[in-house]
Amino acid sequence: MAGIFETQEIEQRLGLLREEHRDLDTSISALLEGGSADQLQVARMKRRKLRIKDEIQLLENRLVPDIIA
């Protein structure tokens, strides 16, 4: 389980990652709706978005204490 200071750092990082994830989603949608989207750029943005989602999941898992069943 994470300590108090570590928990605050994780929550702060999660907030930044969630914001970046939303921004990428908005940017990708705007590029695709515009019709003149560079497919390579869109693919890179989607990969970045997936990496961010994975990092969010890892950090969220660190905040949840291990439960021994």
C-alpha atoms as a PDB file:
ATOM      1  CA  MET A   1       0.000   0.000   0.000  1.00  0.00           C
ATOM      2  CA  ALA A   2       1.244   3.461  -0.814  1.00  0.00           C
ATOM      3  CA  GLY A   3       2.157   5.950   1.919  1.00  0.00           C
ATOM      4  CA  ILE A   4       0.366   9.290   2.272  1.00  0.00           C
ATOM      5  CA  PHE A   5       2.943  11.302   0.317  1.00  0.00           C
ATOM      6  CA  GLU A   6       3.259   8.658  -2.352  1.00  0.00           C
ATOM      7  CA  THR A   7      -0.546   8.479  -2.610  1.00  0.00           C
ATOM      8  CA  GLN A   8      -0.741  12.238  -3.173  1.00  0.00           C
ATOM      9  CA  GLU A   9       1.931  12.046  -5.871  1.00  0.00           C
ATOM     10  CA  ILE A  10       0.123   9.169  -7.578  1.00  0.00           C
ATOM     11  CA  GLU A  11      -3.208  11.011  -7.476  1.00  0.00           C
ATOM     12  CA  GLN A  12      -1.574  14.139  -8.914  1.00  0.00           C
ATOM     13  CA  ARG A  13       0.032  12.109 -11.710  1.00  0.00           C
ATOM     14  CA  LEU A  14      -3.303  10.375 -12.372  1.00  0.00           C
ATOM     15  CA  GLY A  15      -4.994  13.747 -12.783  1.00  0.00           C
ATOM     16  CA  LEU A  16      -2.405  14.877 -15.316  1.00  0.00           C
ATOM     17  CA  LEU A  17      -2.603  11.603 -17.238  1.00  0.00           C
ATOM     18  CA  ARG A  18      -6.410  11.668 -17.338  1.00  0.00           C
ATOM     19  CA  GLU A  19      -6.319  15.217 -18.657  1.00  0.00           C
ATOM     20  CA  GLU A  20      -3.787  14.287 -21.343  1.00  0.00           C
ATOM     21  CA  HIS A  21      -5.909  11.242 -22.252  1.00  0.00           C
ATOM     22  CA  ARG A  22      -9.004  13.442 -22.690  1.00  0.00           C
ATOM     23  CA  ASP A  23      -7.036  15.988 -24.724  1.00  0.00           C
ATOM     24  CA  LEU A  24      -5.721  13.278 -27.039  1.00  0.00           C
ATOM     25  CA  ASP A  25      -9.226  11.868 -27.466  1.00  0.00           C
ATOM     26  CA  THR A  26     -10.516  15.318 -28.418  1.00  0.00           C
ATOM     27  CA  SER A  27      -7.611  15.910 -30.804  1.00  0.00           C
ATOM     28  CA  ILE A  28      -8.028  12.539 -32.495  1.00  0.00           C
ATOM     29  CA  SER A  29     -11.751  13.122 -32.956  1.00  0.00           C
ATOM     30  CA  ALA A  30     -11.146  16.586 -34.397  1.00  0.00           C
ATOM     31  CA  LEU A  31      -8.565  15.252 -36.859  1.00  0.00           C
ATOM     32  CA  LEU A  32     -10.843  12.443 -38.003  1.00  0.00           C
ATOM     33  CA  GLU A  33     -13.874  14.707 -38.356  1.00  0.00           C
ATOM     34  CA  GLY A  34     -11.853  17.218 -40.369  1.00  0.00           C
ATOM     35  CA  GLY A  35     -11.358  14.643 -43.092  1.00  0.00           C
ATOM     36  CA  SER A  36      -7.771  15.657 -43.806  1.00  0.00           C
ATOM     37  CA  ALA A  37      -6.255  13.565 -41.037  1.00  0.00           C
ATOM     38  CA  ASP A  38      -2.703  12.328 -41.407  1.00  0.00           C
ATOM     39  CA  GLN A  39      -3.161   8.625 -40.695  1.00  0.00           C
ATOM     40  CA  LEU A  40       0.370   8.272 -39.336  1.00  0.00           C
ATOM     41  CA  GLN A  41      -0.204  11.121 -36.887  1.00  0.00           C
ATOM     42  CA  VAL A  42      -3.555   9.658 -35.814  1.00  0.00           C
ATOM     43  CA  ALA A  43      -1.957   6.234 -35.279  1.00  0.00           C
ATOM     44  CA  ARG A  44       0.794   7.771 -33.142  1.00  0.00           C
ATOM     45  CA  MET A  45      -1.751   9.674 -31.085  1.00  0.00           C
ATOM     46  CA  LYS A  46      -3.817   6.524 -30.548  1.00  0.00           C
ATOM     47  CA  ARG A  47      -0.728   4.592 -29.408  1.00  0.00           C
ATOM     48  CA  ARG A  48       0.147   7.409 -26.995  1.00  0.00           C
ATOM     49  CA  LYS A  49      -3.414   7.367 -25.693  1.00  0.00           C
ATOM     50  CA  LEU A  50      -3.195   3.606 -25.067  1.00  0.00           C
ATOM     51  CA  ARG A  51       0.143   3.983 -23.243  1.00  0.00           C
ATOM     52  CA  ILE A  52      -1.419   6.662 -21.048  1.00  0.00           C
ATOM     53  CA  LYS A  53      -4.403   4.412 -20.324  1.00  0.00           C
ATOM     54  CA  ASP A  54      -2.034   1.592 -19.307  1.00  0.00           C
ATOM     55  CA  GLU A  55      -0.112   3.917 -16.998  1.00  0.00           C
ATOM     56  CA  ILE A  56      -3.370   5.148 -15.446  1.00  0.00           C
ATOM     57  CA  GLN A  57      -4.384   1.542 -14.758  1.00  0.00           C
ATOM     58  CA  LEU A  58      -1.010   0.741 -13.164  1.00  0.00           C
ATOM     59  CA  LEU A  59      -1.167   3.797 -10.907  1.00  0.00           C
ATOM     60  CA  GLU A  60      -4.769   3.083  -9.910  1.00  0.00           C
ATOM     61  CA  ASN A  61      -3.729  -0.448  -8.964  1.00  0.00           C
ATOM     62  CA  ARG A  62      -0.995   0.972  -6.698  1.00  0.00           C
ATOM     63  CA  LEU A  63      -3.603   2.955  -4.787  1.00  0.00           C
ATOM     64  CA  VAL A  64      -5.714  -0.116  -4.024  1.00  0.00           C
ATOM     65  CA  PRO A  65      -4.377  -2.202  -1.134  1.00  0.00           C
ATOM     66  CA  ASP A  66      -3.683  -5.864  -1.750  1.00  0.00           C
ATOM     67  CA  ILE A  67      -6.414  -8.015  -0.225  1.00  0.00           C
ATOM     68  CA  ILE A  68      -5.464 -11.513   0.810  1.00  0.00           C
ATOM     69  CA  ALA A  69      -8.424 -13.762   0.112  1.00  0.00           C
END
